[in-house]
Amino acid sequence: MRDLEVEVREITTIQVEHCVTVRHDDFEYLGRPYKSLSSVARQITGTKWNGWVFFGLKNSVGK
C-alpha cells in the first residue's frame, strides 16, 4: 500500500518555512514521522500547542 501524501499547510516563522506532509497513518516533518500535528508543533516551538490551531486549520476560540 502506498502512503497518501498531501501537504497540510506551510507556515513561516522567523523566515523559516515548515512543511508537513500528511501520510496515511502519520505526519512527516523533516524526514521524521510524527503521530500528530501537535507533536510537530511542539518540535517546532518547544512548547505544547494544539496542532490544528498552530497550523491555522482550526479557530483557537472553542469552535
Protein backbone atom coordinates (compact mmCIF):
# COMPACT_ATOMS: atom_id res chain seq x y z
CA MET A 1 0.00 0.00 0.00
CA ARG A 2 1.34 3.39 -0.95
CA ASP A 3 1.18 6.31 1.52
CA LEU A 4 -1.17 9.11 0.57
CA GLU A 5 0.90 12.29 0.63
CA VAL A 6 -0.82 15.65 0.94
CA GLU A 7 0.72 18.89 2.09
CA VAL A 8 -1.10 20.26 5.12
CA ARG A 9 -0.10 23.88 5.06
CA GLU A 10 3.11 25.82 5.06
CA ILE A 11 3.75 28.49 7.66
CA THR A 12 6.64 30.88 8.13
CA THR A 13 8.20 31.68 11.49
CA ILE A 14 11.22 33.95 11.67
CA GLN A 15 11.87 33.44 7.95
CA VAL A 16 11.85 29.64 8.26
CA GLU A 17 9.36 27.66 6.21
CA HIS A 18 7.96 24.50 7.81
CA CYS A 19 6.44 21.87 5.54
CA VAL A 20 4.46 18.94 6.96
CA THR A 21 3.28 16.00 4.87
CA VAL A 22 0.10 14.14 5.80
CA ARG A 23 0.51 10.41 5.29
CA HIS A 24 -1.92 7.54 5.69
CA ASP A 25 -1.05 6.78 9.34
CA ASP A 26 1.01 9.77 10.48
CA PHE A 27 2.64 13.09 9.58
CA GLU A 28 6.16 13.69 8.32
CA TYR A 29 8.31 16.67 9.24
CA LEU A 30 11.99 16.97 8.35
CA GLY A 31 12.01 13.32 7.29
CA ARG A 32 10.74 12.04 10.64
CA PRO A 33 7.33 10.53 11.39
CA TYR A 34 5.02 12.13 13.97
CA LYS A 35 1.71 10.75 15.25
CA SER A 36 0.01 14.15 15.48
CA LEU A 37 0.19 17.74 14.28
CA SER A 38 0.54 18.73 17.94
CA SER A 39 3.79 16.79 18.20
CA VAL A 40 5.08 18.54 15.07
CA ALA A 41 4.13 21.94 16.52
CA ARG A 42 5.88 21.01 19.78
CA GLN A 43 9.03 20.07 17.82
CA ILE A 44 8.98 23.44 16.03
CA THR A 45 8.21 25.67 19.03
CA GLY A 46 9.47 23.74 22.03
CA THR A 47 6.11 24.25 23.77
CA LYS A 48 2.74 22.49 23.82
CA TRP A 49 0.34 23.53 21.06
CA ASN A 50 -2.87 22.26 19.58
CA GLY A 51 -1.55 21.27 16.16
CA TRP A 52 -4.73 22.21 14.30
CA VAL A 53 -4.62 25.71 15.81
CA PHE A 54 -0.86 26.12 15.29
CA PHE A 55 -1.11 25.34 11.58
CA GLY A 56 -4.18 27.53 11.16
CA LEU A 57 -6.55 24.64 10.42
CA LYS A 58 -8.91 25.39 13.35
CA ASN A 59 -10.01 28.54 15.12
CA SER A 60 -8.43 28.77 18.59
CA VAL A 61 -11.69 30.02 20.14
CA GLY A 62 -13.62 26.84 21.10
CA LYS A 63 -15.43 26.11 17.84
